[in-house]
Amino acid sequence: MASIHNRKLIAALAKELKAKDPEIEELKDAYLYSIVSLQV
């Protein structure tokens, strides 16, 4: 019973992460850009 619940939980979390992925990529790009800017 617990394994079924865990699978559903993991699926829900994976879906949520996938939805946030573009936002995370955008933040990473902004962070890398700011580091490069500071080095110049």
PDB file of N, CA and C in Angstrom:
ATOM      1  N   MET A   1       0.825  -1.211   0.000  1.00  0.00           N
ATOM      2  CA  MET A   1       0.000   0.000   0.000  1.00  0.00           C
ATOM      3  C   MET A   1       0.861   1.264   0.000  1.00  0.00           C
ATOM      4  N   ALA A   2       1.894   1.256   0.816  1.00  0.00           N
ATOM      5  CA  ALA A   2       2.750   2.442   0.910  1.00  0.00           C
ATOM      6  C   ALA A   2       3.461   2.730  -0.410  1.00  0.00           C
ATOM      7  N   SER A   3       3.857   1.659  -1.119  1.00  0.00           N
ATOM      8  CA  SER A   3       4.586   1.870  -2.372  1.00  0.00           C
ATOM      9  C   SER A   3       3.706   2.554  -3.425  1.00  0.00           C
ATOM     10  N   ILE A   4       2.424   2.254  -3.433  1.00  0.00           N
ATOM     11  CA  ILE A   4       1.501   2.907  -4.369  1.00  0.00           C
ATOM     12  C   ILE A   4       1.407   4.393  -4.025  1.00  0.00           C
ATOM     13  N   HIS A   5       1.293   4.666  -2.745  1.00  0.00           N
ATOM     14  CA  HIS A   5       1.226   6.054  -2.298  1.00  0.00           C
ATOM     15  C   HIS A   5       2.516   6.787  -2.664  1.00  0.00           C
ATOM     16  N   ASN A   6       3.659   6.135  -2.436  1.00  0.00           N
ATOM     17  CA  ASN A   6       4.947   6.748  -2.751  1.00  0.00           C
ATOM     18  C   ASN A   6       5.073   7.046  -4.238  1.00  0.00           C
ATOM     19  N   ARG A   7       4.611   6.117  -5.075  1.00  0.00           N
ATOM     20  CA  ARG A   7       4.677   6.345  -6.521  1.00  0.00           C
ATOM     21  C   ARG A   7       3.849   7.546  -6.929  1.00  0.00           C
ATOM     22  N   LYS A   8       2.667   7.669  -6.331  1.00  0.00           N
ATOM     23  CA  LYS A   8       1.807   8.813  -6.646  1.00  0.00           C
ATOM     24  C   LYS A   8       2.471  10.105  -6.185  1.00  0.00           C
ATOM     25  N   LEU A   9       3.078  10.069  -5.012  1.00  0.00           N
ATOM     26  CA  LEU A   9       3.756  11.245  -4.469  1.00  0.00           C
ATOM     27  C   LEU A   9       4.925  11.645  -5.358  1.00  0.00           C
ATOM     28  N   ILE A  10       5.729  10.674  -5.760  1.00  0.00           N
ATOM     29  CA  ILE A  10       6.877  10.938  -6.633  1.00  0.00           C
ATOM     30  C   ILE A  10       6.407  11.492  -7.974  1.00  0.00           C
ATOM     31  N   ALA A  11       5.335  10.927  -8.518  1.00  0.00           N
ATOM     32  CA  ALA A  11       4.798  11.413  -9.794  1.00  0.00           C
ATOM     33  C   ALA A  11       4.336  12.860  -9.669  1.00  0.00           C
ATOM     34  N   ALA A  12       3.677  13.180  -8.565  1.00  0.00           N
ATOM     35  CA  ALA A  12       3.201  14.548  -8.351  1.00  0.00           C
ATOM     36  C   ALA A  12       4.374  15.512  -8.204  1.00  0.00           C
ATOM     37  N   LEU A  13       5.401  15.103  -7.456  1.00  0.00           N
ATOM     38  CA  LEU A  13       6.577  15.954  -7.279  1.00  0.00           C
ATOM     39  C   LEU A  13       7.321  16.150  -8.601  1.00  0.00           C
ATOM     40  N   ALA A  14       7.439  15.090  -9.379  1.00  0.00           N
ATOM     41  CA  ALA A  14       8.119  15.175 -10.667  1.00  0.00           C
ATOM     42  C   ALA A  14       7.380  16.147 -11.595  1.00  0.00           C
ATOM     43  N   LYS A  15       6.060  16.074 -11.571  1.00  0.00           N
ATOM     44  CA  LYS A  15       5.250  16.965 -12.403  1.00  0.00           C
ATOM     45  C   LYS A  15       5.453  18.413 -11.978  1.00  0.00           C
ATOM     46  N   GLU A  16       5.488  18.642 -10.680  1.00  0.00           N
ATOM     47  CA  GLU A  16       5.692  19.983 -10.145  1.00  0.00           C
ATOM     48  C   GLU A  16       7.073  20.518 -10.523  1.00  0.00           C
ATOM     49  N   LEU A  17       8.086  19.674 -10.401  1.00  0.00           N
ATOM     50  CA  LEU A  17       9.448  20.091 -10.771  1.00  0.00           C
ATOM     51  C   LEU A  17       9.538  20.432 -12.246  1.00  0.00           C
ATOM     52  N   LYS A  18       8.900  19.615 -13.075  1.00  0.00           N
ATOM     53  CA  LYS A  18       8.933  19.856 -14.517  1.00  0.00           C
ATOM     54  C   LYS A  18       8.286  21.203 -14.843  1.00  0.00           C
ATOM     55  N   ALA A  19       7.243  21.542 -14.123  1.00  0.00           N
ATOM     56  CA  ALA A  19       6.570  22.819 -14.342  1.00  0.00           C
ATOM     57  C   ALA A  19       7.471  23.992 -13.957  1.00  0.00           C
ATOM     58  N   LYS A  20       8.326  23.784 -12.949  1.00  0.00           N
ATOM     59  CA  LYS A  20       9.208  24.850 -12.493  1.00  0.00           C
ATOM     60  C   LYS A  20      10.523  24.905 -13.275  1.00  0.00           C
ATOM     61  N   ASP A  21      10.783  23.898 -14.091  1.00  0.00           N
ATOM     62  CA  ASP A  21      12.063  23.804 -14.787  1.00  0.00           C
ATOM     63  C   ASP A  21      12.438  25.058 -15.583  1.00  0.00           C
ATOM     64  N   PRO A  22      11.536  25.627 -16.401  1.00  0.00           N
ATOM     65  CA  PRO A  22      11.907  26.834 -17.156  1.00  0.00           C
ATOM     66  C   PRO A  22      12.309  27.981 -16.223  1.00  0.00           C
ATOM     67  N   GLU A  23      11.625  28.093 -15.100  1.00  0.00           N
ATOM     68  CA  GLU A  23      11.928  29.140 -14.132  1.00  0.00           C
ATOM     69  C   GLU A  23      13.333  28.924 -13.547  1.00  0.00           C
ATOM     70  N   ILE A  24      13.664  27.676 -13.245  1.00  0.00           N
ATOM     71  CA  ILE A  24      14.984  27.345 -12.711  1.00  0.00           C
ATOM     72  C   ILE A  24      16.061  27.659 -13.747  1.00  0.00           C
ATOM     73  N   GLU A  25      15.818  27.289 -14.998  1.00  0.00           N
ATOM     74  CA  GLU A  25      16.789  27.568 -16.066  1.00  0.00           C
ATOM     75  C   GLU A  25      17.014  29.075 -16.213  1.00  0.00           C
ATOM     76  N   GLU A  26      15.954  29.838 -16.121  1.00  0.00           N
ATOM     77  CA  GLU A  26      16.038  31.288 -16.236  1.00  0.00           C
ATOM     78  C   GLU A  26      16.896  31.869 -15.101  1.00  0.00           C
ATOM     79  N   LEU A  27      16.680  31.360 -13.886  1.00  0.00           N
ATOM     80  CA  LEU A  27      17.468  31.822 -12.745  1.00  0.00           C
ATOM     81  C   LEU A  27      18.940  31.457 -12.897  1.00  0.00           C
ATOM     82  N   LYS A  28      19.208  30.250 -13.388  1.00  0.00           N
ATOM     83  CA  LYS A  28      20.600  29.824 -13.606  1.00  0.00           C
ATOM     84  C   LYS A  28      21.274  30.736 -14.622  1.00  0.00           C
ATOM     85  N   ASP A  29      20.574  31.034 -15.717  1.00  0.00           N
ATOM     86  CA  ASP A  29      21.141  31.908 -16.745  1.00  0.00           C
ATOM     87  C   ASP A  29      21.446  33.290 -16.176  1.00  0.00           C
ATOM     88  N   ALA A  30      20.525  33.830 -15.391  1.00  0.00           N
ATOM     89  CA  ALA A  30      20.730  35.144 -14.792  1.00  0.00           C
ATOM     90  C   ALA A  30      21.907  35.121 -13.827  1.00  0.00           C
ATOM     91  N   TYR A  31      22.029  34.047 -13.062  1.00  0.00           N
ATOM     92  CA  TYR A  31      23.122  33.896 -12.103  1.00  0.00           C
ATOM     93  C   TYR A  31      24.466  33.817 -12.827  1.00  0.00           C
ATOM     94  N   LEU A  32      24.531  32.991 -13.873  1.00  0.00           N
ATOM     95  CA  LEU A  32      25.775  32.862 -14.631  1.00  0.00           C
ATOM     96  C   LEU A  32      26.141  34.189 -15.283  1.00  0.00           C
ATOM     97  N   TYR A  33      25.167  34.902 -15.798  1.00  0.00           N
ATOM     98  CA  TYR A  33      25.409  36.190 -16.432  1.00  0.00           C
ATOM     99  C   TYR A  33      25.981  37.184 -15.425  1.00  0.00           C
ATOM    100  N   SER A  34      25.426  37.182 -14.210  1.00  0.00           N
ATOM    101  CA  SER A  34      25.915  38.120 -13.199  1.00  0.00           C
ATOM    102  C   SER A  34      27.339  37.786 -12.779  1.00  0.00           C
ATOM    103  N   ILE A  35      27.676  36.502 -12.722  1.00  0.00           N
ATOM    104  CA  ILE A  35      29.058  36.103 -12.372  1.00  0.00           C
ATOM    105  C   ILE A  35      30.028  36.562 -13.464  1.00  0.00           C
ATOM    106  N   VAL A  36      29.650  36.343 -14.724  1.00  0.00           N
ATOM    107  CA  VAL A  36      30.509  36.760 -15.834  1.00  0.00           C
ATOM    108  C   VAL A  36      30.664  38.279 -15.834  1.00  0.00           C
ATOM    109  N   SER A  37      29.587  38.985 -15.543  1.00  0.00           N
ATOM    110  CA  SER A  37      29.643  40.443 -15.491  1.00  0.00           C
ATOM    111  C   SER A  37      30.593  40.937 -14.420  1.00  0.00           C
ATOM    112  N   LEU A  38      30.588  40.256 -13.270  1.00  0.00           N
ATOM    113  CA  LEU A  38      31.468  40.662 -12.173  1.00  0.00           C
ATOM    114  C   LEU A  38      32.932  40.411 -12.505  1.00  0.00           C
ATOM    115  N   GLN A  39      33.206  39.388 -13.288  1.00  0.00           N
ATOM    116  CA  GLN A  39      34.592  39.044 -13.615  1.00  0.00           C
ATOM    117  C   GLN A  39      35.206  40.015 -14.622  1.00  0.00           C
ATOM    118  N   VAL A  40      34.404  40.675 -15.403  1.00  0.00           N
ATOM    119  CA  VAL A  40      34.913  41.591 -16.446  1.00  0.00           C
ATOM    120  C   VAL A  40      35.440  42.856 -15.846  1.00  0.00           C
TER     121      VAL A  40
END
